[in-house]
Each structure stands twice: as C-alpha cells, then as structure tokens.
Protein backbone atom coordinates (compact mmCIF):
# COMPACT_ATOMS: atom_id res chain seq x y z
CA MET A 1 -4.83 17.49 40.46
CA ARG A 2 -7.10 18.92 37.77
CA ARG A 3 -4.30 19.09 35.21
CA GLY A 4 -3.45 15.42 35.76
CA PHE A 5 -7.07 14.43 35.24
CA ASN A 6 -7.17 16.40 31.97
CA THR A 7 -4.07 14.52 30.82
CA ILE A 8 -5.80 11.23 31.59
CA LYS A 9 -8.90 12.35 29.70
CA ALA A 10 -6.79 13.42 26.72
CA THR A 11 -4.89 10.11 26.72
CA ALA A 12 -8.13 8.14 27.05
CA LEU A 13 -9.64 10.12 24.18
CA ALA A 14 -6.61 9.43 22.00
CA ALA A 15 -6.82 5.72 22.82
CA ALA A 16 -10.55 5.67 22.10
CA LEU A 17 -10.02 7.39 18.76
CA ALA A 18 -7.32 4.88 17.85
CA VAL A 19 -9.64 1.99 18.71
CA GLY A 20 -12.53 3.63 16.86
CA ALA A 21 -10.46 4.13 13.75
CA ALA A 22 -9.31 0.53 13.83
CA ALA A 23 -12.77 -0.90 14.51
CA PRO A 24 -13.82 -1.35 10.86
CA MET A 25 -10.78 -3.49 10.14
CA ALA A 26 -11.27 -5.39 13.38
CA LEU A 27 -14.84 -6.12 12.36
CA ALA A 28 -13.70 -7.10 8.90
CA GLN A 29 -11.18 -9.52 10.34
CA THR A 30 -13.67 -11.29 12.59
CA GLY A 31 -16.33 -11.93 9.94
CA GLU A 32 -16.84 -15.25 8.30
CA GLY A 33 -16.73 -15.51 4.53
CA GLY A 34 -19.46 -17.51 3.00
CA GLY A 35 -22.63 -17.29 1.00
CA GLN A 36 -23.89 -14.63 -1.32
CA GLY A 37 -23.29 -11.14 0.00
CA HIS A 38 -20.86 -12.17 2.69
CA GLY A 39 -17.70 -13.26 0.94
CA TRP A 40 -14.70 -11.54 -0.57
CA GLY A 41 -15.83 -8.68 -2.73
CA HIS A 42 -19.45 -9.80 -3.08
CA GLY A 43 -22.45 -7.70 -2.20
CA ALA A 44 -22.08 -5.89 1.08
CA GLY A 45 -18.90 -7.86 1.73
CA HIS A 46 -19.13 -8.37 5.47
CA GLY A 47 -16.62 -11.19 5.61
CA LYS A 48 -12.91 -10.73 6.24
CA ALA A 49 -11.40 -7.90 4.18
CA GLY A 50 -14.48 -7.97 1.98
CA PHE A 51 -15.85 -5.41 4.41
CA PHE A 52 -13.87 -2.62 2.78
CA LEU A 53 -13.71 -4.31 -0.62
CA GLY A 54 -17.47 -4.81 -0.83
CA GLY A 55 -18.81 -4.30 -4.33
CA VAL A 56 -15.46 -4.95 -6.01
CA ASN A 57 -15.42 -7.91 -8.39
CA LEU A 58 -12.39 -10.00 -7.44
CA THR A 59 -10.86 -12.95 -9.23
CA ASP A 60 -10.37 -16.23 -7.42
CA ALA A 61 -6.61 -15.60 -7.45
CA GLN A 62 -7.13 -12.21 -5.80
CA LYS A 63 -9.42 -13.75 -3.19
CA THR A 64 -6.70 -16.29 -2.40
CA GLN A 65 -4.09 -13.52 -2.16
CA LEU A 66 -6.36 -11.53 0.17
CA GLN A 67 -6.81 -14.56 2.40
CA GLN A 68 -3.04 -15.08 2.53
CA ILE A 69 -2.43 -11.42 3.37
CA HIS A 70 -5.14 -11.50 6.02
CA GLU A 71 -3.73 -14.67 7.57
CA SER A 72 -0.14 -13.35 7.67
CA HIS A 73 -1.27 -10.18 9.41
CA ARG A 74 -3.59 -12.06 11.76
CA VAL A 75 -0.61 -14.02 13.02
CA ALA A 76 1.37 -10.80 13.44
CA THR A 77 -1.38 -9.00 15.34
CA GLU A 78 -2.75 -11.80 17.52
CA ALA A 79 -0.21 -11.36 20.32
CA ILE A 80 -0.64 -7.58 20.33
CA GLU A 81 -4.43 -7.91 20.45
CA THR A 82 -4.13 -10.24 23.44
CA GLN A 83 -1.91 -7.72 25.24
CA VAL A 84 -4.31 -4.85 24.48
CA ARG A 85 -7.29 -6.84 25.79
CA ALA A 86 -5.40 -7.69 28.99
CA LYS A 87 -4.43 -4.04 29.54
CA HIS A 88 -8.04 -2.94 28.95
CA ASP A 89 -9.21 -5.51 31.50
CA GLU A 90 -6.70 -4.12 34.00
CA LEU A 91 -7.93 -0.59 33.26
CA ARG A 92 -11.55 -1.69 33.81
CA LYS A 93 -10.58 -3.16 37.18
CA LEU A 94 -9.00 0.17 38.15
CA ASN A 95 -12.18 1.93 37.10
CA ASP A 96 -14.34 -0.47 39.14
CA ALA A 97 -12.29 -0.01 42.32
CA ALA A 98 -13.86 1.77 45.30
CA THR A 99 -11.46 4.70 44.87
CA PHE A 100 -10.05 5.93 41.59
CA ASP A 101 -6.27 5.72 41.34
CA GLU A 102 -5.46 8.42 38.82
CA ALA A 103 -1.75 7.61 38.62
CA ALA A 104 -2.38 3.91 38.01
CA ALA A 105 -5.02 4.65 35.35
CA SER A 106 -2.68 7.08 33.61
CA ALA A 107 0.14 4.55 33.67
CA LYS A 108 -2.14 1.85 32.25
CA LEU A 109 -3.27 4.16 29.43
CA ALA A 110 0.37 4.96 28.71
CA GLU A 111 0.98 1.20 28.34
CA ILE A 112 -2.04 0.70 26.08
CA ALA A 113 -1.44 3.58 23.64
CA PRO A 114 1.74 2.27 21.97
CA LEU A 115 0.25 -1.23 21.66
CA GLU A 116 -2.86 0.15 19.96
CA ALA A 117 -0.72 2.32 17.70
CA LYS A 118 1.32 -0.73 16.70
CA LEU A 119 -1.86 -2.71 16.05
CA MET A 120 -3.33 0.10 13.99
CA GLY A 121 -0.12 0.37 11.95
CA GLU A 122 -0.21 -3.35 11.22
CA ARG A 123 -3.84 -3.10 10.08
CA PHE A 124 -3.00 -0.18 7.81
CA ARG A 125 -0.13 -2.18 6.29
CA MET A 126 -2.51 -5.09 5.68
CA ARG A 127 -5.02 -2.80 4.00
CA GLN A 128 -2.33 -1.33 1.75
CA GLU A 129 -1.12 -4.79 0.75
CA MET A 130 -4.70 -5.71 -0.10
CA LEU A 131 -5.22 -2.56 -2.15
CA ASN A 132 -1.99 -3.26 -4.04
CA ILE A 133 -3.45 -6.41 -5.61
CA LEU A 134 -6.36 -4.53 -7.17
CA THR A 135 -6.42 -3.51 -10.80
CA PRO A 136 -7.02 0.16 -11.71
CA GLU A 137 -10.61 -0.77 -12.66
CA GLN A 138 -11.18 -2.42 -9.29
CA LYS A 139 -9.76 0.62 -7.51
CA THR A 140 -12.25 2.75 -9.44
CA GLN A 141 -15.06 0.40 -8.34
CA LEU A 142 -13.89 0.74 -4.76
CA GLU A 143 -13.79 4.54 -4.96
CA GLN A 144 -17.32 4.58 -6.39
CA ARG A 145 -18.52 2.40 -3.50
CA ARG A 146 -16.87 4.75 -0.99
CA GLU A 147 -18.64 7.73 -2.53
CA GLN A 148 -21.99 5.91 -2.42
CA TRP A 149 -21.37 5.00 1.22
CA LYS A 150 -20.51 8.61 2.11
CA GLN A 151 -23.69 9.85 0.46
CA GLN A 152 -25.83 7.22 2.19
CA LYS A 153 -24.17 7.89 5.52
CA GLY A 154 -24.84 11.61 5.27
CA GLU A 155 -28.45 11.18 4.18
CA GLY A 156 -29.20 8.46 6.70
CA PHE A 157 -28.21 10.53 9.72
CA GLY A 158 -29.99 13.81 9.11
CA GLY A 159 -27.59 15.18 6.54
CA GLY A 160 -24.31 14.93 8.32
CA ARG A 161 -22.23 14.12 11.30
CA HIS A 162 -24.32 16.04 13.82
CA GLY A 163 -27.68 14.77 12.66
CA ARG A 164 -30.70 17.02 12.94
CA ARG A 165 -29.84 18.64 16.22
CA GLY A 166 -26.75 20.64 15.78
CA GLY A 167 -23.61 21.81 14.17
CA GLY A 168 -24.73 21.54 10.57
CA ALA A 169 -27.00 23.52 8.29
CA GLU A 170 -30.33 24.55 9.65
CA GLN A 171 -33.16 22.12 9.11
CA PRO A 172 -36.33 23.47 7.52
CA THR A 173 -39.21 23.96 9.91
CA GLN A 174 -42.76 22.96 9.11
C-alpha cells in the first residue's frame, strides 16, 4: 500500500513539474498584446510570446512572424489543453470524494502525464521557431535580459532559491 502511494506522489510531482515548467509559456500565450510595455518585444513584454522576448527590439515583420507562429501552435495545442483540463477536473473529483481511490487517481495521472508532455513539447517547438527568427544581435539582447532577470530574481528572494531561511549561504546576523 505504501509503495503504491509513493508511486502516485512521484507521478503527481512529475506532472506538477511539467505544468510548472510550461507555465511561463502558458501565461505568455494568454496575454493580450497592446499598449506600451505589453506588446511584442516592448518593455516587460507581457503579451503573447513577448513574455520571453521582453526587451528585444523586434521589427514589424518579426512581430507578424511571431504572431503567425503563435497562432499555428495555438491551434495545435488547443485540443490537448482541453483534454488536460478535463483530466485534471476528473482528478479533482477523485480527490474530493469521501474515500480516496488510489488506483483511480494513479490511472488518471498516468493519462495526464503523456498529454502534458506532448503539450510541453509543442510549446518548446514554438519557442524554438520564435527564437529562429531573431538576429544574432537580438539573441544577445535576449541573453542579457535573461541574465538581468536571474540577478533580480536572486536578489529579490533573499539571495537565492531558498530565501533567507535555508539551504543557501548563511545570512549575516545583526
């Protein structure tokens, strides 16, 4: 019994990691392009693929290409996303039941994992297609933005992944 539960936990963790890794692209795909700071490659770039291309100066032709790439992949992923949402709803219903059915939950997770992997693969392909339209200078801009983000992320959360409480270097005492 205990071993089966550990398998479920491991599968759930793998699924959660897959979803977590795909979340930035999912957020990027749901944003609306628009005014200053929210369009393709402007400012923080919260709209569409501008999320990961924020700070990169794009030409109008590149913006059009990015929109076309995004749209072609949106069509390809829409059905998979619908299936994943339905499976997650089914899993939530199992979790809300009066008694936990370990076998059913494990089976549902086994159904979800390949769908999420397929979705993640499609998002990675989209990102690569988008990166392929950048010039070497734009790729350098993007790399500089990534480095800035990493530095800000580390400084903003107590110097690293574990914050001030643990795992990292000791914090000075006053």
